PDB file of N, CA and C in Angstrom:
ATOM      1  N   UNK A   1       1.034  -0.883  -0.084  1.00  0.00           N
ATOM      2  CA  UNK A   1       0.198  -0.067  -0.192  1.00  0.00           C
ATOM      3  C   UNK A   1       0.925   1.191  -0.242  1.00  0.00           C
ATOM      4  N   UNK A   2       0.701   2.377  -0.864  1.00  0.00           N
ATOM      5  CA  UNK A   2       1.329   3.564  -0.621  1.00  0.00           C
ATOM      6  C   UNK A   2       1.683   4.050   0.730  1.00  0.00           C
ATOM      7  N   UNK A   3       2.396   5.092   0.591  1.00  0.00           N
ATOM      8  CA  UNK A   3       2.488   5.764   2.242  1.00  0.00           C
ATOM      9  C   UNK A   3       1.756   6.761   2.014  1.00  0.00           C
ATOM     10  N   UNK A   4       1.805   7.657   1.110  1.00  0.00           N
ATOM     11  CA  UNK A   4       1.022   8.883   0.914  1.00  0.00           C
ATOM     12  C   UNK A   4       1.723   9.842   0.800  1.00  0.00           C
ATOM     13  N   UNK A   5       3.012   9.876   0.577  1.00  0.00           N
ATOM     14  CA  UNK A   5       3.903  10.540   0.578  1.00  0.00           C
ATOM     15  C   UNK A   5       4.619  10.919  -0.698  1.00  0.00           C
ATOM     16  N   UNK A   6       3.603  10.811  -2.344  1.00  0.00           N
ATOM     17  CA  UNK A   6       3.907  11.450  -3.041  1.00  0.00           C
ATOM     18  C   UNK A   6       3.664  13.101  -3.078  1.00  0.00           C
ATOM     19  N   UNK A   7       4.968  13.232  -3.686  1.00  0.00           N
ATOM     20  CA  UNK A   7       4.909  15.009  -4.011  1.00  0.00           C
ATOM     21  C   UNK A   7       5.002  14.645  -5.503  1.00  0.00           C
ATOM     22  N   UNK A   8       4.890  16.146  -6.099  1.00  0.00           N
ATOM     23  CA  UNK A   8       4.007  16.491  -7.920  1.00  0.00           C
ATOM     24  C   UNK A   8       5.464  17.732  -7.940  1.00  0.00           C
ATOM     25  N   UNK A   9       5.596  17.785  -9.076  1.00  0.00           N
ATOM     26  CA  UNK A   9       6.430  18.674  -9.761  1.00  0.00           C
ATOM     27  C   UNK A   9       5.731  20.021 -10.138  1.00  0.00           C
ATOM     28  N   UNK A  10       5.806  20.902  -9.415  1.00  0.00           N
ATOM     29  CA  UNK A  10       5.281  22.266 -10.237  1.00  0.00           C
ATOM     30  C   UNK A  10       6.819  23.079 -10.652  1.00  0.00           C
ATOM     31  N   UNK A  11       6.035  23.227 -12.195  1.00  0.00           N
ATOM     32  CA  UNK A  11       6.812  24.159 -13.146  1.00  0.00           C
ATOM     33  C   UNK A  11       5.861  25.409 -13.781  1.00  0.00           C
ATOM     34  N   UNK A  12       6.625  26.438 -13.798  1.00  0.00           N
ATOM     35  CA  UNK A  12       6.739  27.614 -14.187  1.00  0.00           C
ATOM     36  C   UNK A  12       6.399  27.964 -16.036  1.00  0.00           C
ATOM     37  N   UNK A  13       5.795  28.241 -16.509  1.00  0.00           N
ATOM     38  CA  UNK A  13       5.424  29.265 -18.083  1.00  0.00           C
ATOM     39  C   UNK A  13       6.794  30.296 -17.466  1.00  0.00           C
ATOM     40  N   UNK A  14       7.076  30.842 -18.964  1.00  0.00           N
ATOM     41  CA  UNK A  14       8.616  31.925 -18.547  1.00  0.00           C
ATOM     42  C   UNK A  14       7.435  33.164 -18.459  1.00  0.00           C
ATOM     43  N   UNK A  15       6.366  32.813 -18.819  1.00  0.00           N
ATOM     44  CA  UNK A  15       6.102  34.194 -19.171  1.00  0.00           C
ATOM     45  C   UNK A  15       5.281  34.615 -17.606  1.00  0.00           C
ATOM     46  N   UNK A  16       4.687  33.396 -16.218  1.00  0.00           N
ATOM     47  CA  UNK A  16       5.014  33.236 -15.493  1.00  0.00           C
ATOM     48  C   UNK A  16       4.929  34.069 -14.643  1.00  0.00           C
ATOM     49  N   UNK A  17       6.932  32.912 -14.384  1.00  0.00           N
ATOM     50  CA  UNK A  17       8.400  33.579 -13.992  1.00  0.00           C
ATOM     51  C   UNK A  17       8.366  35.301 -13.889  1.00  0.00           C
ATOM     52  N   UNK A  18       8.129  35.572 -15.452  1.00  0.00           N
ATOM     53  CA  UNK A  18       8.172  37.335 -15.338  1.00  0.00           C
ATOM     54  C   UNK A  18       7.091  38.185 -14.466  1.00  0.00           C
ATOM     55  N   UNK A  19       6.149  37.420 -14.385  1.00  0.00           N
ATOM     56  CA  UNK A  19       4.982  37.963 -13.960  1.00  0.00           C
ATOM     57  C   UNK A  19       5.281  38.194 -12.425  1.00  0.00           C
ATOM     58  N   UNK A  20       5.562  37.117 -12.077  1.00  0.00           N
ATOM     59  CA  UNK A  20       6.025  36.655 -10.270  1.00  0.00           C
ATOM     60  C   UNK A  20       6.886  37.911 -10.016  1.00  0.00           C
ATOM     61  N   UNK A  21       8.223  38.100 -11.041  1.00  0.00           N
ATOM     62  CA  UNK A  21       9.324  38.771 -10.442  1.00  0.00           C
ATOM     63  C   UNK A  21       9.308  40.701 -10.334  1.00  0.00           C
ATOM     64  N   UNK A  22       7.918  40.811 -11.245  1.00  0.00           N
ATOM     65  CA  UNK A  22       7.475  42.170 -11.137  1.00  0.00           C
ATOM     66  C   UNK A  22       6.707  42.370 -10.289  1.00  0.00           C
ATOM     67  N   UNK A  23       6.408  41.246  -9.250  1.00  0.00           N
ATOM     68  CA  UNK A  23       5.331  41.843  -8.106  1.00  0.00           C
ATOM     69  C   UNK A  23       6.615  42.803  -7.128  1.00  0.00           C
ATOM     70  N   UNK A  24       5.855  42.812  -6.032  1.00  0.00           N
ATOM     71  CA  UNK A  24       6.623  42.808  -4.485  1.00  0.00           C
ATOM     72  C   UNK A  24       6.554  41.740  -3.972  1.00  0.00           C
ATOM     73  N   UNK A  25       7.702  41.752  -3.744  1.00  0.00           N
ATOM     74  CA  UNK A  25       8.647  40.101  -2.648  1.00  0.00           C
ATOM     75  C   UNK A  25       7.672  40.064  -1.810  1.00  0.00           C
ATOM     76  N   UNK A  26       7.105  40.717  -1.141  1.00  0.00           N
ATOM     77  CA  UNK A  26       6.038  40.230  -0.377  1.00  0.00           C
ATOM     78  C   UNK A  26       5.309  39.568  -0.538  1.00  0.00           C
ATOM     79  N   UNK A  27       4.397  39.851  -2.344  1.00  0.00           N
ATOM     80  CA  UNK A  27       3.437  39.362  -2.378  1.00  0.00           C
ATOM     81  C   UNK A  27       3.799  38.360  -3.619  1.00  0.00           C
ATOM     82  N   UNK A  28       4.975  38.199  -4.253  1.00  0.00           N
ATOM     83  CA  UNK A  28       5.460  37.014  -4.907  1.00  0.00           C
ATOM     84  C   UNK A  28       5.713  36.316  -3.804  1.00  0.00           C
ATOM     85  N   UNK A  29       6.420  36.312  -2.185  1.00  0.00           N
ATOM     86  CA  UNK A  29       6.442  34.794  -1.646  1.00  0.00           C
ATOM     87  C   UNK A  29       5.095  34.659  -0.989  1.00  0.00           C
ATOM     88  N   UNK A  30       4.255  35.118  -1.087  1.00  0.00           N
ATOM     89  CA  UNK A  30       3.025  34.536  -0.354  1.00  0.00           C
ATOM     90  C   UNK A  30       2.347  32.993  -1.808  1.00  0.00           C
ATOM     91  N   UNK A  31       2.499  34.579  -2.700  1.00  0.00           N
ATOM     92  CA  UNK A  31       2.247  33.377  -4.018  1.00  0.00           C
ATOM     93  C   UNK A  31       2.691  32.176  -4.217  1.00  0.00           C
ATOM     94  N   UNK A  32       4.293  31.913  -4.102  1.00  0.00           N
ATOM     95  CA  UNK A  32       5.098  30.921  -4.050  1.00  0.00           C
ATOM     96  C   UNK A  32       4.973  29.701  -3.268  1.00  0.00           C
ATOM     97  N   UNK A  33       4.544  30.451  -2.061  1.00  0.00           N
ATOM     98  CA  UNK A  33       4.236  29.273  -0.659  1.00  0.00           C
ATOM     99  C   UNK A  33       2.975  28.721  -1.076  1.00  0.00           C
ATOM    100  N   UNK A  34       1.677  29.472  -2.003  1.00  0.00           N
ATOM    101  CA  UNK A  34       0.473  28.644  -2.282  1.00  0.00           C
ATOM    102  C   UNK A  34       1.014  27.325  -3.414  1.00  0.00           C
ATOM    103  N   UNK A  35       2.176  28.041  -4.125  1.00  0.00           N
ATOM    104  CA  UNK A  35       1.977  27.101  -5.407  1.00  0.00           C
ATOM    105  C   UNK A  35       2.876  25.800  -5.005  1.00  0.00           C
ATOM    106  N   UNK A  36       3.879  26.273  -4.407  1.00  0.00           N
ATOM    107  CA  UNK A  36       4.614  25.105  -3.462  1.00  0.00           C
ATOM    108  C   UNK A  36       3.736  24.304  -2.630  1.00  0.00           C
ATOM    109  N   UNK A  37       2.782  24.522  -2.127  1.00  0.00           N
ATOM    110  CA  UNK A  37       1.976  23.561  -1.392  1.00  0.00           C
ATOM    111  C   UNK A  37       1.267  22.806  -2.728  1.00  0.00           C
ATOM    112  N   UNK A  38       1.146  23.017  -3.544  1.00  0.00           N
ATOM    113  CA  UNK A  38       0.156  22.323  -4.765  1.00  0.00           C
ATOM    114  C   UNK A  38       1.319  21.394  -4.958  1.00  0.00           C
ATOM    115  N   UNK A  39       2.607  21.204  -4.598  1.00  0.00           N
ATOM    116  CA  UNK A  39       3.358  19.635  -5.132  1.00  0.00           C
ATOM    117  C   UNK A  39       3.111  18.425  -3.918  1.00  0.00           C
ATOM    118  N   UNK A  40       2.538  18.514  -3.376  1.00  0.00           N
ATOM    119  CA  UNK A  40       1.729  17.848  -1.693  1.00  0.00           C
ATOM    120  C   UNK A  40       0.445  17.607  -2.250  1.00  0.00           C
ATOM    121  N   UNK A  41      -0.284  18.758  -2.151  1.00  0.00           N
ATOM    122  CA  UNK A  41      -1.832  18.470  -2.690  1.00  0.00           C
ATOM    123  C   UNK A  41      -1.992  19.328  -3.803  1.00  0.00           C
ATOM    124  N   UNK A  42      -2.225  18.502  -4.994  1.00  0.00           N
ATOM    125  CA  UNK A  42      -2.618  19.515  -6.144  1.00  0.00           C
ATOM    126  C   UNK A  42      -3.596  19.719  -6.555  1.00  0.00           C
ATOM    127  N   UNK A  43      -4.640  19.113  -5.936  1.00  0.00           N
ATOM    128  CA  UNK A  43      -6.061  19.246  -5.784  1.00  0.00           C
ATOM    129  C   UNK A  43      -6.759  19.647  -4.750  1.00  0.00           C
ATOM    130  N   UNK A  44      -6.358  21.273  -4.402  1.00  0.00           N
ATOM    131  CA  UNK A  44      -6.862  21.614  -2.842  1.00  0.00           C
ATOM    132  C   UNK A  44      -8.431  21.651  -2.743  1.00  0.00           C
ATOM    133  N   UNK A  45      -8.732  21.652  -1.392  1.00  0.00           N
ATOM    134  CA  UNK A  45     -10.536  21.808  -1.570  1.00  0.00           C
ATOM    135  C   UNK A  45     -10.601  23.335  -1.969  1.00  0.00           C
ATOM    136  N   UNK A  46     -11.883  22.647  -3.273  1.00  0.00           N
ATOM    137  CA  UNK A  46     -12.324  24.327  -3.787  1.00  0.00           C
ATOM    138  C   UNK A  46     -11.986  23.859  -5.497  1.00  0.00           C
ATOM    139  N   UNK A  47     -11.037  22.819  -5.766  1.00  0.00           N
ATOM    140  CA  UNK A  47     -10.954  22.809  -6.841  1.00  0.00           C
ATOM    141  C   UNK A  47     -11.668  22.700  -7.898  1.00  0.00           C
ATOM    142  N   UNK A  48     -12.308  22.176  -8.993  1.00  0.00           N
ATOM    143  CA  UNK A  48     -13.182  21.898  -9.588  1.00  0.00           C
ATOM    144  C   UNK A  48     -12.549  21.698 -11.475  1.00  0.00           C
ATOM    145  N   UNK A  49     -12.831  20.315 -11.495  1.00  0.00           N
ATOM    146  CA  UNK A  49     -12.564  19.625 -12.928  1.00  0.00           C
ATOM    147  C   UNK A  49     -12.961  20.185 -13.696  1.00  0.00           C
ATOM    148  N   UNK A  50     -12.121  20.866 -14.809  1.00  0.00           N
ATOM    149  CA  UNK A  50     -12.739  21.652 -16.161  1.00  0.00           C
ATOM    150  C   UNK A  50     -13.477  20.779 -16.930  1.00  0.00           C
ATOM    151  N   UNK A  51     -14.472  20.931 -17.635  1.00  0.00           N
ATOM    152  CA  UNK A  51     -15.622  20.294 -18.409  1.00  0.00           C
ATOM    153  C   UNK A  51     -14.971  19.996 -19.502  1.00  0.00           C
ATOM    154  N   UNK A  52     -15.089  18.769 -20.130  1.00  0.00           N
ATOM    155  CA  UNK A  52     -14.240  18.378 -21.074  1.00  0.00           C
ATOM    156  C   UNK A  52     -12.760  18.198 -21.150  1.00  0.00           C
ATOM    157  N   UNK A  53     -12.161  17.967 -20.247  1.00  0.00           N
ATOM    158  CA  UNK A  53     -10.700  17.925 -20.140  1.00  0.00           C
ATOM    159  C   UNK A  53     -10.464  16.859 -19.240  1.00  0.00           C
ATOM    160  N   UNK A  54      -9.465  16.171 -19.600  1.00  0.00           N
ATOM    161  CA  UNK A  54      -9.569  14.907 -18.715  1.00  0.00           C
ATOM    162  C   UNK A  54      -8.481  15.256 -17.728  1.00  0.00           C
ATOM    163  N   UNK A  55      -7.712  16.370 -17.852  1.00  0.00           N
ATOM    164  CA  UNK A  55      -6.772  16.176 -16.579  1.00  0.00           C
ATOM    165  C   UNK A  55      -6.296  17.741 -15.891  1.00  0.00           C
ATOM    166  N   UNK A  56      -7.473  18.478 -16.939  1.00  0.00           N
ATOM    167  CA  UNK A  56      -7.214  20.258 -16.135  1.00  0.00           C
ATOM    168  C   UNK A  56      -8.135  19.950 -14.718  1.00  0.00           C
ATOM    169  N   UNK A  57      -7.222  21.430 -13.717  1.00  0.00           N
ATOM    170  CA  UNK A  57      -8.474  21.476 -13.080  1.00  0.00           C
ATOM    171  C   UNK A  57      -8.327  22.749 -12.561  1.00  0.00           C
ATOM    172  N   UNK A  58      -9.280  23.762 -12.158  1.00  0.00           N
ATOM    173  CA  UNK A  58      -9.446  24.776 -11.599  1.00  0.00           C
ATOM    174  C   UNK A  58      -9.088  25.012 -10.113  1.00  0.00           C
ATOM    175  N   UNK A  59      -8.076  25.593  -9.704  1.00  0.00           N
ATOM    176  CA  UNK A  59      -7.510  25.937  -8.068  1.00  0.00           C
ATOM    177  C   UNK A  59      -7.946  27.395  -7.668  1.00  0.00           C
TER     178      UNK A  59
END
């Protein structure tokens, strides 16, 4: 049986990285913390599966 410690990789598009770099450091760090949490729980409470898509979710 799996131990439940599965982690996922989170990657950024170049355009997303540039957007983060343009934000204040405080805001960027808050966003990065939330994004990094997706590696442990890629579908947090409140996420919704996108209709017509097999592997895309709105978070």
